Amino acid sequence: MSHDHFASVREAPEDTPQDAENLRLRAALMRALKEHLTQAGLTQAQAAEQLGVTQPRISDLLRGKINLFSLDTLVNIAASASLHVDLQLRHVT
């Protein structure tokens, strides 16, 4: 498993367009969750308790360890934070 770091999700090489889109969505959810948790001013332990996950899981989220989170997991964490995830589909040109 590679632990390379990229300045942008768009720079990270992905095998397929599907992988790239999944990565883009996970990155957007992680940014939104990080912003929400930062604004809430909770400690990692408090956030973990509220969201039903462990403190190390919150640490991984805040540190941007995207490879440790599936799209489903991030949607579940967002829902636990009383956040609603909208889905918008459009053709790529």
PDB file of N, CA and C in Angstrom:
ATOM      1  N   MET A   1       0.838  -1.162   0.000  1.00  0.00           N
ATOM      2  CA  MET A   1       0.000   0.000   0.000  1.00  0.00           C
ATOM      3  C   MET A   1       0.890   1.234   0.000  1.00  0.00           C
ATOM      4  N   SER A   2       0.633   2.156  -0.898  1.00  0.00           N
ATOM      5  CA  SER A   2       1.421   3.372  -1.012  1.00  0.00           C
ATOM      6  C   SER A   2       0.915   4.433  -0.054  1.00  0.00           C
ATOM      7  N   HIS A   3       1.828   5.221   0.484  1.00  0.00           N
ATOM      8  CA  HIS A   3       1.462   6.322   1.373  1.00  0.00           C
ATOM      9  C   HIS A   3       1.942   7.631   0.773  1.00  0.00           C
ATOM     10  N   ASP A   4       1.907   7.740  -0.554  1.00  0.00           N
ATOM     11  CA  ASP A   4       2.329   8.961  -1.219  1.00  0.00           C
ATOM     12  C   ASP A   4       1.388  10.095  -0.861  1.00  0.00           C
ATOM     13  N   HIS A   5       1.921  11.315  -0.867  1.00  0.00           N
ATOM     14  CA  HIS A   5       1.120  12.501  -0.592  1.00  0.00           C
ATOM     15  C   HIS A   5       1.086  13.353  -1.847  1.00  0.00           C
ATOM     16  N   PHE A   6      -0.065  13.926  -2.132  1.00  0.00           N
ATOM     17  CA  PHE A   6      -0.242  14.759  -3.306  1.00  0.00           C
ATOM     18  C   PHE A   6      -0.844  16.084  -2.877  1.00  0.00           C
ATOM     19  N   ALA A   7      -0.499  17.155  -3.595  1.00  0.00           N
ATOM     20  CA  ALA A   7      -1.015  18.480  -3.272  1.00  0.00           C
ATOM     21  C   ALA A   7      -2.511  18.555  -3.511  1.00  0.00           C
ATOM     22  N   SER A   8      -3.020  17.725  -4.386  1.00  0.00           N
ATOM     23  CA  SER A   8      -4.433  17.748  -4.742  1.00  0.00           C
ATOM     24  C   SER A   8      -4.889  16.336  -5.065  1.00  0.00           C
ATOM     25  N   VAL A   9      -6.168  16.087  -4.817  1.00  0.00           N
ATOM     26  CA  VAL A   9      -6.748  14.794  -5.188  1.00  0.00           C
ATOM     27  C   VAL A   9      -6.605  14.582  -6.688  1.00  0.00           C
ATOM     28  N   ARG A  10      -6.692  15.646  -7.447  1.00  0.00           N
ATOM     29  CA  ARG A  10      -6.591  15.541  -8.904  1.00  0.00           C
ATOM     30  C   ARG A  10      -5.214  15.059  -9.357  1.00  0.00           C
ATOM     31  N   GLU A  11      -4.189  15.234  -8.523  1.00  0.00           N
ATOM     32  CA  GLU A  11      -2.842  14.789  -8.877  1.00  0.00           C
ATOM     33  C   GLU A  11      -2.606  13.320  -8.558  1.00  0.00           C
ATOM     34  N   ALA A  12      -3.419  12.749  -7.693  1.00  0.00           N
ATOM     35  CA  ALA A  12      -3.229  11.362  -7.276  1.00  0.00           C
ATOM     36  C   ALA A  12      -3.594  10.424  -8.425  1.00  0.00           C
ATOM     37  N   PRO A  13      -2.691   9.533  -8.789  1.00  0.00           N
ATOM     38  CA  PRO A  13      -2.999   8.619  -9.890  1.00  0.00           C
ATOM     39  C   PRO A  13      -4.032   7.573  -9.463  1.00  0.00           C
ATOM     40  N   GLU A  14      -5.006   7.372 -10.281  1.00  0.00           N
ATOM     41  CA  GLU A  14      -6.028   6.360 -10.034  1.00  0.00           C
ATOM     42  C   GLU A  14      -6.099   5.457 -11.254  1.00  0.00           C
ATOM     43  N   ASP A  15      -6.446   4.210 -11.024  1.00  0.00           N
ATOM     44  CA  ASP A  15      -6.475   3.234 -12.105  1.00  0.00           C
ATOM     45  C   ASP A  15      -7.618   3.457 -13.082  1.00  0.00           C
ATOM     46  N   THR A  16      -8.742   3.897 -12.577  1.00  0.00           N
ATOM     47  CA  THR A  16      -9.926   4.046 -13.422  1.00  0.00           C
ATOM     48  C   THR A  16     -10.629   5.361 -13.120  1.00  0.00           C
ATOM     49  N   PRO A  17     -11.478   5.829 -14.034  1.00  0.00           N
ATOM     50  CA  PRO A  17     -12.285   7.017 -13.746  1.00  0.00           C
ATOM     51  C   PRO A  17     -13.190   6.804 -12.529  1.00  0.00           C
ATOM     52  N   GLN A  18     -13.629   5.575 -12.312  1.00  0.00           N
ATOM     53  CA  GLN A  18     -14.471   5.270 -11.157  1.00  0.00           C
ATOM     54  C   GLN A  18     -13.696   5.470  -9.857  1.00  0.00           C
ATOM     55  N   ASP A  19     -12.456   5.003  -9.831  1.00  0.00           N
ATOM     56  CA  ASP A  19     -11.612   5.183  -8.648  1.00  0.00           C
ATOM     57  C   ASP A  19     -11.362   6.667  -8.387  1.00  0.00           C
ATOM     58  N   ALA A  20     -11.111   7.406  -9.447  1.00  0.00           N
ATOM     59  CA  ALA A  20     -10.848   8.840  -9.311  1.00  0.00           C
ATOM     60  C   ALA A  20     -12.076   9.564  -8.768  1.00  0.00           C
ATOM     61  N   GLU A  21     -13.251   9.209  -9.240  1.00  0.00           N
ATOM     62  CA  GLU A  21     -14.480   9.855  -8.764  1.00  0.00           C
ATOM     63  C   GLU A  21     -14.751   9.504  -7.307  1.00  0.00           C
ATOM     64  N   ASN A  22     -14.524   8.259  -6.948  1.00  0.00           N
ATOM     65  CA  ASN A  22     -14.707   7.850  -5.554  1.00  0.00           C
ATOM     66  C   ASN A  22     -13.755   8.627  -4.647  1.00  0.00           C
ATOM     67  N   LEU A  23     -12.514   8.778  -5.068  1.00  0.00           N
ATOM     68  CA  LEU A  23     -11.526   9.526  -4.300  1.00  0.00           C
ATOM     69  C   LEU A  23     -11.947  10.989  -4.160  1.00  0.00           C
ATOM     70  N   ARG A  24     -12.444  11.580  -5.228  1.00  0.00           N
ATOM     71  CA  ARG A  24     -12.889  12.968  -5.195  1.00  0.00           C
ATOM     72  C   ARG A  24     -14.022  13.157  -4.197  1.00  0.00           C
ATOM     73  N   LEU A  25     -14.988  12.254  -4.198  1.00  0.00           N
ATOM     74  CA  LEU A  25     -16.124  12.343  -3.271  1.00  0.00           C
ATOM     75  C   LEU A  25     -15.688  12.142  -1.819  1.00  0.00           C
ATOM     76  N   ARG A  26     -14.809  11.180  -1.593  1.00  0.00           N
ATOM     77  CA  ARG A  26     -14.309  10.966  -0.229  1.00  0.00           C
ATOM     78  C   ARG A  26     -13.552  12.188   0.277  1.00  0.00           C
ATOM     79  N   ALA A  27     -12.746  12.795  -0.594  1.00  0.00           N
ATOM     80  CA  ALA A  27     -11.988  13.987  -0.196  1.00  0.00           C
ATOM     81  C   ALA A  27     -12.936  15.130   0.163  1.00  0.00           C
ATOM     82  N   ALA A  28     -13.988  15.321  -0.616  1.00  0.00           N
ATOM     83  CA  ALA A  28     -14.950  16.388  -0.337  1.00  0.00           C
ATOM     84  C   ALA A  28     -15.656  16.150   0.998  1.00  0.00           C
ATOM     85  N   LEU A  29     -16.045  14.921   1.265  1.00  0.00           N
ATOM     86  CA  LEU A  29     -16.693  14.598   2.541  1.00  0.00           C
ATOM     87  C   LEU A  29     -15.740  14.779   3.708  1.00  0.00           C
ATOM     88  N   MET A  30     -14.509  14.370   3.541  1.00  0.00           N
ATOM     89  CA  MET A  30     -13.533  14.535   4.622  1.00  0.00           C
ATOM     90  C   MET A  30     -13.289  16.009   4.924  1.00  0.00           C
ATOM     91  N   ARG A  31     -13.186  16.841   3.884  1.00  0.00           N
ATOM     92  CA  ARG A  31     -13.009  18.285   4.105  1.00  0.00           C
ATOM     93  C   ARG A  31     -14.200  18.867   4.855  1.00  0.00           C
ATOM     94  N   ALA A  32     -15.407  18.491   4.454  1.00  0.00           N
ATOM     95  CA  ALA A  32     -16.616  19.010   5.105  1.00  0.00           C
ATOM     96  C   ALA A  32     -16.698  18.559   6.559  1.00  0.00           C
ATOM     97  N   LEU A  33     -16.362  17.304   6.815  1.00  0.00           N
ATOM     98  CA  LEU A  33     -16.393  16.803   8.196  1.00  0.00           C
ATOM     99  C   LEU A  33     -15.335  17.480   9.053  1.00  0.00           C
ATOM    100  N   LYS A  34     -14.151  17.672   8.499  1.00  0.00           N
ATOM    101  CA  LYS A  34     -13.095  18.348   9.246  1.00  0.00           C
ATOM    102  C   LYS A  34     -13.522  19.767   9.590  1.00  0.00           C
ATOM    103  N   GLU A  35     -14.100  20.465   8.625  1.00  0.00           N
ATOM    104  CA  GLU A  35     -14.582  21.831   8.870  1.00  0.00           C
ATOM    105  C   GLU A  35     -15.661  21.841   9.947  1.00  0.00           C
ATOM    106  N   HIS A  36     -16.586  20.899   9.871  1.00  0.00           N
ATOM    107  CA  HIS A  36     -17.664  20.812  10.864  1.00  0.00           C
ATOM    108  C   HIS A  36     -17.098  20.572  12.266  1.00  0.00           C
ATOM    109  N   LEU A  37     -16.185  19.646  12.384  1.00  0.00           N
ATOM    110  CA  LEU A  37     -15.604  19.328  13.692  1.00  0.00           C
ATOM    111  C   LEU A  37     -14.773  20.480  14.238  1.00  0.00           C
ATOM    112  N   THR A  38     -14.062  21.159  13.367  1.00  0.00           N
ATOM    113  CA  THR A  38     -13.272  22.309  13.790  1.00  0.00           C
ATOM    114  C   THR A  38     -14.182  23.418  14.307  1.00  0.00           C
ATOM    115  N   GLN A  39     -15.247  23.697  13.568  1.00  0.00           N
ATOM    116  CA  GLN A  39     -16.190  24.744  13.984  1.00  0.00           C
ATOM    117  C   GLN A  39     -16.913  24.381  15.273  1.00  0.00           C
ATOM    118  N   ALA A  40     -17.153  23.101  15.502  1.00  0.00           N
ATOM    119  CA  ALA A  40     -17.844  22.664  16.712  1.00  0.00           C
ATOM    120  C   ALA A  40     -16.961  22.840  17.951  1.00  0.00           C
ATOM    121  N   GLY A  41     -15.656  22.896  17.746  1.00  0.00           N
ATOM    122  CA  GLY A  41     -14.739  23.104  18.857  1.00  0.00           C
ATOM    123  C   GLY A  41     -14.654  21.947  19.837  1.00  0.00           C
ATOM    124  N   LEU A  42     -14.951  20.761  19.360  1.00  0.00           N
ATOM    125  CA  LEU A  42     -14.902  19.575  20.215  1.00  0.00           C
ATOM    126  C   LEU A  42     -13.491  19.002  20.256  1.00  0.00           C
ATOM    127  N   THR A  43     -13.159  18.369  21.365  1.00  0.00           N
ATOM    128  CA  THR A  43     -11.927  17.589  21.390  1.00  0.00           C
ATOM    129  C   THR A  43     -12.149  16.350  20.523  1.00  0.00           C
ATOM    130  N   GLN A  44     -11.068  15.681  20.185  1.00  0.00           N
ATOM    131  CA  GLN A  44     -11.215  14.449  19.406  1.00  0.00           C
ATOM    132  C   GLN A  44     -12.019  13.410  20.179  1.00  0.00           C
ATOM    133  N   ALA A  45     -11.814  13.338  21.472  1.00  0.00           N
ATOM    134  CA  ALA A  45     -12.563  12.373  22.296  1.00  0.00           C
ATOM    135  C   ALA A  45     -14.050  12.709  22.310  1.00  0.00           C
ATOM    136  N   GLN A  46     -14.387  13.988  22.432  1.00  0.00           N
ATOM    137  CA  GLN A  46     -15.792  14.391  22.424  1.00  0.00           C
ATOM    138  C   GLN A  46     -16.430  14.108  21.067  1.00  0.00           C
ATOM    139  N   ALA A  47     -15.703  14.421  19.998  1.00  0.00           N
ATOM    140  CA  ALA A  47     -16.215  14.166  18.654  1.00  0.00           C
ATOM    141  C   ALA A  47     -16.435  12.673  18.438  1.00  0.00           C
ATOM    142  N   ALA A  48     -15.489  11.873  18.893  1.00  0.00           N
ATOM    143  CA  ALA A  48     -15.612  10.423  18.737  1.00  0.00           C
ATOM    144  C   ALA A  48     -16.848   9.896  19.460  1.00  0.00           C
ATOM    145  N   GLU A  49     -17.071  10.377  20.675  1.00  0.00           N
ATOM    146  CA  GLU A  49     -18.233   9.927  21.441  1.00  0.00           C
ATOM    147  C   GLU A  49     -19.531  10.330  20.747  1.00  0.00           C
ATOM    148  N   GLN A  50     -19.578  11.562  20.276  1.00  0.00           N
ATOM    149  CA  GLN A  50     -20.787  12.046  19.598  1.00  0.00           C
ATOM    150  C   GLN A  50     -21.072  11.283  18.313  1.00  0.00           C
ATOM    151  N   LEU A  51     -20.021  10.925  17.597  1.00  0.00           N
ATOM    152  CA  LEU A  51     -20.185  10.296  16.283  1.00  0.00           C
ATOM    153  C   LEU A  51     -20.166   8.773  16.328  1.00  0.00           C
ATOM    154  N   GLY A  52     -19.930   8.218  17.494  1.00  0.00           N
ATOM    155  CA  GLY A  52     -19.959   6.766  17.626  1.00  0.00           C
ATOM    156  C   GLY A  52     -18.772   6.063  17.006  1.00  0.00           C
ATOM    157  N   VAL A  53     -17.623   6.729  17.001  1.00  0.00           N
ATOM    158  CA  VAL A  53     -16.396   6.124  16.498  1.00  0.00           C
ATOM    159  C   VAL A  53     -15.313   6.292  17.563  1.00  0.00           C
ATOM    160  N   THR A  54     -14.139   5.767  17.304  1.00  0.00           N
ATOM    161  CA  THR A  54     -13.052   5.886  18.275  1.00  0.00           C
ATOM    162  C   THR A  54     -12.293   7.201  18.062  1.00  0.00           C
ATOM    163  N   GLN A  55     -11.559   7.616  19.081  1.00  0.00           N
ATOM    164  CA  GLN A  55     -10.743   8.828  18.963  1.00  0.00           C
ATOM    165  C   GLN A  55      -9.672   8.669  17.884  1.00  0.00           C
ATOM    166  N   PRO A  56      -9.002   7.514  17.785  1.00  0.00           N
ATOM    167  CA  PRO A  56      -8.032   7.368  16.696  1.00  0.00           C
ATOM    168  C   PRO A  56      -8.676   7.518  15.305  1.00  0.00           C
ATOM    169  N   ARG A  57      -9.939   7.117  15.192  1.00  0.00           N
ATOM    170  CA  ARG A  57     -10.646   7.261  13.912  1.00  0.00           C
ATOM    171  C   ARG A  57     -10.829   8.744  13.585  1.00  0.00           C
ATOM    172  N   ILE A  58     -11.173   9.546  14.604  1.00  0.00           N
ATOM    173  CA  ILE A  58     -11.313  10.995  14.411  1.00  0.00           C
ATOM    174  C   ILE A  58      -9.959  11.587  14.040  1.00  0.00           C
ATOM    175  N   SER A  59      -8.906  11.139  14.693  1.00  0.00           N
ATOM    176  CA  SER A  59      -7.561  11.608  14.365  1.00  0.00           C
ATOM    177  C   SER A  59      -7.224  11.314  12.910  1.00  0.00           C
ATOM    178  N   ASP A  60      -7.523  10.107  12.452  1.00  0.00           N
ATOM    179  CA  ASP A  60      -7.271   9.744  11.050  1.00  0.00           C
ATOM    180  C   ASP A  60      -8.051  10.655  10.109  1.00  0.00           C
ATOM    181  N   LEU A  61      -9.286  10.940  10.452  1.00  0.00           N
ATOM    182  CA  LEU A  61     -10.124  11.813   9.639  1.00  0.00           C
ATOM    183  C   LEU A  61      -9.518  13.214   9.564  1.00  0.00           C
ATOM    184  N   LEU A  62      -9.167  13.770  10.706  1.00  0.00           N
ATOM    185  CA  LEU A  62      -8.629  15.128  10.759  1.00  0.00           C
ATOM    186  C   LEU A  62      -7.262  15.242  10.094  1.00  0.00           C
ATOM    187  N   ARG A  63      -6.523  14.147  10.070  1.00  0.00           N
ATOM    188  CA  ARG A  63      -5.199  14.140   9.434  1.00  0.00           C
ATOM    189  C   ARG A  63      -5.281  13.810   7.942  1.00  0.00           C
ATOM    190  N   GLY A  64      -6.508  13.594   7.448  1.00  0.00           N
ATOM    191  CA  GLY A  64      -6.699  13.383   6.017  1.00  0.00           C
ATOM    192  C   GLY A  64      -6.256  12.043   5.495  1.00  0.00           C
ATOM    193  N   LYS A  65      -6.308  11.023   6.320  1.00  0.00           N
ATOM    194  CA  LYS A  65      -5.888   9.684   5.882  1.00  0.00           C
ATOM    195  C   LYS A  65      -7.010   9.039   5.064  1.00  0.00           C
ATOM    196  N   ILE A  66      -7.161   9.545   3.865  1.00  0.00           N
ATOM    197  CA  ILE A  66      -8.288   9.195   3.002  1.00  0.00           C
ATOM    198  C   ILE A  66      -8.344   7.704   2.674  1.00  0.00           C
ATOM    199  N   ASN A  67      -7.193   7.056   2.596  1.00  0.00           N
ATOM    200  CA  ASN A  67      -7.158   5.631   2.245  1.00  0.00           C
ATOM    201  C   ASN A  67      -7.802   4.748   3.321  1.00  0.00           C
ATOM    202  N   LEU A  68      -8.054   5.313   4.516  1.00  0.00           N
ATOM    203  CA  LEU A  68      -8.653   4.532   5.603  1.00  0.00           C
ATOM    204  C   LEU A  68     -10.170   4.648   5.667  1.00  0.00           C
ATOM    205  N   PHE A  69     -10.774   5.421   4.755  1.00  0.00           N
ATOM    206  CA  PHE A  69     -12.210   5.684   4.822  1.00  0.00           C
ATOM    207  C   PHE A  69     -12.894   5.353   3.502  1.00  0.00           C
ATOM    208  N   SER A  70     -13.969   4.583   3.608  1.00  0.00           N
ATOM    209  CA  SER A  70     -14.801   4.331   2.433  1.00  0.00           C
ATOM    210  C   SER A  70     -15.837   5.446   2.316  1.00  0.00           C
ATOM    211  N   LEU A  71     -16.450   5.547   1.172  1.00  0.00           N
ATOM    212  CA  LEU A  71     -17.516   6.525   0.969  1.00  0.00           C
ATOM    213  C   LEU A  71     -18.666   6.261   1.931  1.00  0.00           C
ATOM    214  N   ASP A  72     -19.037   4.992   2.107  1.00  0.00           N
ATOM    215  CA  ASP A  72     -20.115   4.626   3.034  1.00  0.00           C
ATOM    216  C   ASP A  72     -19.807   5.081   4.456  1.00  0.00           C
ATOM    217  N   THR A  73     -18.589   4.841   4.895  1.00  0.00           N
ATOM    218  CA  THR A  73     -18.195   5.231   6.249  1.00  0.00           C
ATOM    219  C   THR A  73     -18.306   6.732   6.441  1.00  0.00           C
ATOM    220  N   LEU A  74     -17.845   7.496   5.469  1.00  0.00           N
ATOM    221  CA  LEU A  74     -17.889   8.958   5.582  1.00  0.00           C
ATOM    222  C   LEU A  74     -19.327   9.478   5.580  1.00  0.00           C
ATOM    223  N   VAL A  75     -20.190   8.875   4.781  1.00  0.00           N
ATOM    224  CA  VAL A  75     -21.611   9.261   4.791  1.00  0.00           C
ATOM    225  C   VAL A  75     -22.217   8.946   6.154  1.00  0.00           C
ATOM    226  N   ASN A  76     -21.877   7.808   6.718  1.00  0.00           N
ATOM    227  CA  ASN A  76     -22.395   7.434   8.045  1.00  0.00           C
ATOM    228  C   ASN A  76     -21.908   8.396   9.120  1.00  0.00           C
ATOM    229  N   ILE A  77     -20.650   8.789   9.059  1.00  0.00           N
ATOM    230  CA  ILE A  77     -20.120   9.743  10.039  1.00  0.00           C
ATOM    231  C   ILE A  77     -20.834  11.081   9.878  1.00  0.00           C
ATOM    232  N   ALA A  78     -21.029  11.519   8.655  1.00  0.00           N
ATOM    233  CA  ALA A  78     -21.738  12.783   8.411  1.00  0.00           C
ATOM    234  C   ALA A  78     -23.148  12.723   8.975  1.00  0.00           C
ATOM    235  N   ALA A  79     -23.845  11.634   8.749  1.00  0.00           N
ATOM    236  CA  ALA A  79     -25.203  11.490   9.279  1.00  0.00           C
ATOM    237  C   ALA A  79     -25.198  11.503  10.803  1.00  0.00           C
ATOM    238  N   SER A  80     -24.204  10.881  11.412  1.00  0.00           N
ATOM    239  CA  SER A  80     -24.085  10.898  12.872  1.00  0.00           C
ATOM    240  C   SER A  80     -23.833  12.303  13.399  1.00  0.00           C
ATOM    241  N   ALA A  81     -23.252  13.158  12.558  1.00  0.00           N
ATOM    242  CA  ALA A  81     -22.990  14.549  12.924  1.00  0.00           C
ATOM    243  C   ALA A  81     -24.183  15.446  12.585  1.00  0.00           C
ATOM    244  N   SER A  82     -25.315  14.823  12.227  1.00  0.00           N
ATOM    245  CA  SER A  82     -26.533  15.547  11.823  1.00  0.00           C
ATOM    246  C   SER A  82     -26.303  16.394  10.575  1.00  0.00           C
ATOM    247  N   LEU A  83     -25.450  15.895   9.686  1.00  0.00           N
ATOM    248  CA  LEU A  83     -25.210  16.551   8.407  1.00  0.00           C
ATOM    249  C   LEU A  83     -25.902  15.738   7.316  1.00  0.00           C
ATOM    250  N   HIS A  84     -26.452  16.426   6.347  1.00  0.00           N
ATOM    251  CA  HIS A  84     -27.129  15.771   5.228  1.00  0.00           C
ATOM    252  C   HIS A  84     -26.206  15.821   4.017  1.00  0.00           C
ATOM    253  N   VAL A  85     -26.035  14.705   3.368  1.00  0.00           N
ATOM    254  CA  VAL A  85     -25.198  14.617   2.166  1.00  0.00           C
ATOM    255  C   VAL A  85     -26.121  14.640   0.945  1.00  0.00           C
ATOM    256  N   ASP A  86     -25.906  15.620   0.083  1.00  0.00           N
ATOM    257  CA  ASP A  86     -26.659  15.700  -1.177  1.00  0.00           C
ATOM    258  C   ASP A  86     -25.860  15.059  -2.294  1.00  0.00           C
ATOM    259  N   LEU A  87     -26.580  14.510  -3.248  1.00  0.00           N
ATOM    260  CA  LEU A  87     -25.949  13.897  -4.409  1.00  0.00           C
ATOM    261  C   LEU A  87     -26.433  14.614  -5.651  1.00  0.00           C
ATOM    262  N   GLN A  88     -25.496  15.008  -6.475  1.00  0.00           N
ATOM    263  CA  GLN A  88     -25.832  15.671  -7.716  1.00  0.00           C
ATOM    264  C   GLN A  88     -25.079  14.983  -8.841  1.00  0.00           C
ATOM    265  N   LEU A  89     -25.789  14.544  -9.836  1.00  0.00           N
ATOM    266  CA  LEU A  89     -25.165  13.889 -10.983  1.00  0.00           C
ATOM    267  C   LEU A  89     -25.201  14.826 -12.176  1.00  0.00           C
ATOM    268  N   ARG A  90     -24.091  14.840 -12.947  1.00  0.00           N
ATOM    269  CA  ARG A  90     -24.044  15.636 -14.154  1.00  0.00           C
ATOM    270  C   ARG A  90     -23.096  14.949 -15.143  1.00  0.00           C
ATOM    271  N   HIS A  91     -23.297  15.206 -16.392  1.00  0.00           N
ATOM    272  CA  HIS A  91     -22.407  14.645 -17.414  1.00  0.00           C
ATOM    273  C   HIS A  91     -21.088  15.382 -17.376  1.00  0.00           C
ATOM    274  N   VAL A  92     -20.007  14.608 -17.515  1.00  0.00           N
ATOM    275  CA  VAL A  92     -18.676  15.191 -17.591  1.00  0.00           C
ATOM    276  C   VAL A  92     -18.416  15.506 -19.053  1.00  0.00           C
ATOM    277  N   THR A  93     -17.960  16.700 -19.292  1.00  0.00           N
ATOM    278  CA  THR A  93     -17.694  17.087 -20.697  1.00  0.00           C
ATOM    279  C   THR A  93     -16.227  17.143 -20.980  1.00  0.00           C
TER     280      THR A  93
END
